[in-house]
Amino acid sequence: MTADGVNYQLGYTISSESIGTTHLATSETGKRVTIKIVHKSSFSNELIEQIYGGYLTAMKLGVRSKNIAKVYAVENQADKLVIVSERVAGETLADITRPIVGGNP
């Protein structure tokens, strides 16, 4: 997979949901990252903007927090939105909310 002119080798799938899939990946230079592929065909651009717009705007403005992964690249392709971000160890948001919303372990 290529995003923002950099080649990435997709690895382990962290999560797969109706809105998209998140993978661990490695860049051509060996940097480990997380890649989220958002499937645009299932959702309106307005919904995708509502879900990711504020997050991506904050990243473009340089907002940093220990609770926010740094975004390295965003590529808006015809059929998908590709977000490349730093790999942050620990639980995912899905892991944390699963017991609250009653999802599968």
Protein backbone atom coordinates (compact mmCIF):
# COMPACT_ATOMS: atom_id res chain seq x y z
CA MET A 1 0.00 0.00 0.00
CA THR A 2 1.20 3.51 -0.80
CA ALA A 3 0.16 6.67 1.04
CA ASP A 4 1.64 10.11 0.54
CA GLY A 5 4.37 8.64 -1.67
CA VAL A 6 5.59 6.13 0.93
CA ASN A 7 5.25 2.36 0.51
CA TYR A 8 3.90 0.36 3.44
CA GLN A 9 3.69 -3.38 4.01
CA LEU A 10 0.41 -4.18 5.76
CA GLY A 11 0.70 -6.58 8.65
CA TYR A 12 -1.55 -7.76 11.43
CA THR A 13 -5.18 -6.56 11.33
CA ILE A 14 -5.86 -4.76 14.61
CA SER A 15 -9.58 -4.29 14.01
CA SER A 16 -12.12 -4.63 11.25
CA GLU A 17 -15.40 -2.79 11.51
CA SER A 18 -18.11 -1.63 9.13
CA ILE A 19 -16.44 1.75 8.68
CA GLY A 20 -12.98 0.38 7.97
CA THR A 21 -9.99 -1.74 8.86
CA THR A 22 -6.96 -0.91 10.98
CA HIS A 23 -3.62 -2.61 10.35
CA LEU A 24 -0.17 -2.59 11.81
CA ALA A 25 2.20 -1.74 8.98
CA THR A 26 5.87 -1.12 8.28
CA SER A 27 7.21 1.62 6.02
CA GLU A 28 9.94 1.02 3.47
CA THR A 29 12.39 2.51 6.00
CA GLY A 30 11.30 0.10 8.74
CA LYS A 31 9.13 2.51 10.72
CA ARG A 32 6.18 0.74 12.40
CA VAL A 33 2.88 2.57 11.97
CA THR A 34 -0.86 2.04 12.13
CA ILE A 35 -2.91 2.37 8.94
CA LYS A 36 -6.67 2.87 9.05
CA ILE A 37 -8.48 2.28 5.77
CA VAL A 38 -11.96 3.86 5.82
CA HIS A 39 -14.37 2.37 3.27
CA LYS A 40 -16.11 5.34 1.66
CA SER A 41 -18.64 3.25 -0.25
CA SER A 42 -20.56 2.42 2.92
CA PHE A 43 -20.81 5.96 4.28
CA SER A 44 -21.53 9.48 3.09
CA ASN A 45 -18.70 11.99 2.93
CA GLU A 46 -20.59 14.00 5.56
CA LEU A 47 -20.52 11.10 8.03
CA ILE A 48 -16.82 10.44 7.42
CA GLU A 49 -16.12 14.15 7.92
CA GLN A 50 -18.18 14.10 11.12
CA ILE A 51 -16.25 11.11 12.49
CA TYR A 52 -12.71 12.05 11.40
CA GLY A 53 -12.83 15.75 10.54
CA GLY A 54 -12.07 17.19 13.96
CA TYR A 55 -9.33 14.66 14.63
CA LEU A 56 -7.60 15.34 11.32
CA THR A 57 -7.94 19.12 11.70
CA ALA A 58 -6.35 18.93 15.15
CA MET A 59 -3.46 16.91 13.74
CA LYS A 60 -2.91 19.39 10.89
CA LEU A 61 -2.80 22.20 13.46
CA GLY A 62 -0.15 20.34 15.44
CA VAL A 63 -2.25 19.57 18.50
CA ARG A 64 -0.32 17.02 20.58
CA SER A 65 -1.36 14.96 23.55
CA LYS A 66 -0.16 11.69 25.03
CA ASN A 67 -3.66 10.38 24.24
CA ILE A 68 -3.62 11.27 20.53
CA ALA A 69 -1.57 9.39 17.95
CA LYS A 70 0.40 11.59 15.56
CA VAL A 71 -0.90 11.43 11.99
CA TYR A 72 1.86 11.06 9.40
CA ALA A 73 -0.25 11.02 6.25
CA VAL A 74 -3.85 11.21 5.06
CA GLU A 75 -4.69 10.15 1.55
CA ASN A 76 -8.20 10.74 0.27
CA GLN A 77 -8.65 8.22 -2.55
CA ALA A 78 -11.80 7.74 -4.64
CA ASP A 79 -13.02 4.67 -2.75
CA LYS A 80 -11.25 4.99 0.61
CA LEU A 81 -9.62 7.30 3.10
CA VAL A 82 -6.18 6.12 4.25
CA ILE A 83 -4.86 7.44 7.58
CA VAL A 84 -1.26 6.62 8.54
CA SER A 85 -0.47 7.31 12.18
CA GLU A 86 2.08 6.50 14.82
CA ARG A 87 1.84 3.12 16.47
CA VAL A 88 0.71 3.54 20.06
CA ALA A 89 1.01 0.51 22.31
CA GLY A 90 -1.85 -0.51 24.55
CA GLU A 91 -5.56 -1.02 24.27
CA THR A 92 -7.53 0.26 21.32
CA LEU A 93 -10.68 2.33 21.77
CA ALA A 94 -12.66 -0.76 20.73
CA ASP A 95 -10.95 -2.80 23.48
CA ILE A 96 -11.87 -0.21 26.08
CA THR A 97 -15.49 0.31 25.02
CA ARG A 98 -16.37 -3.31 24.22
CA PRO A 99 -17.42 -4.18 27.80
CA ILE A 100 -19.50 -0.97 28.01
CA VAL A 101 -21.41 -1.43 24.74
CA GLY A 102 -21.65 -5.21 24.95
CA GLY A 103 -19.48 -6.26 22.02
CA ASN A 104 -17.66 -9.55 21.59
CA PRO A 105 -14.42 -10.09 23.53
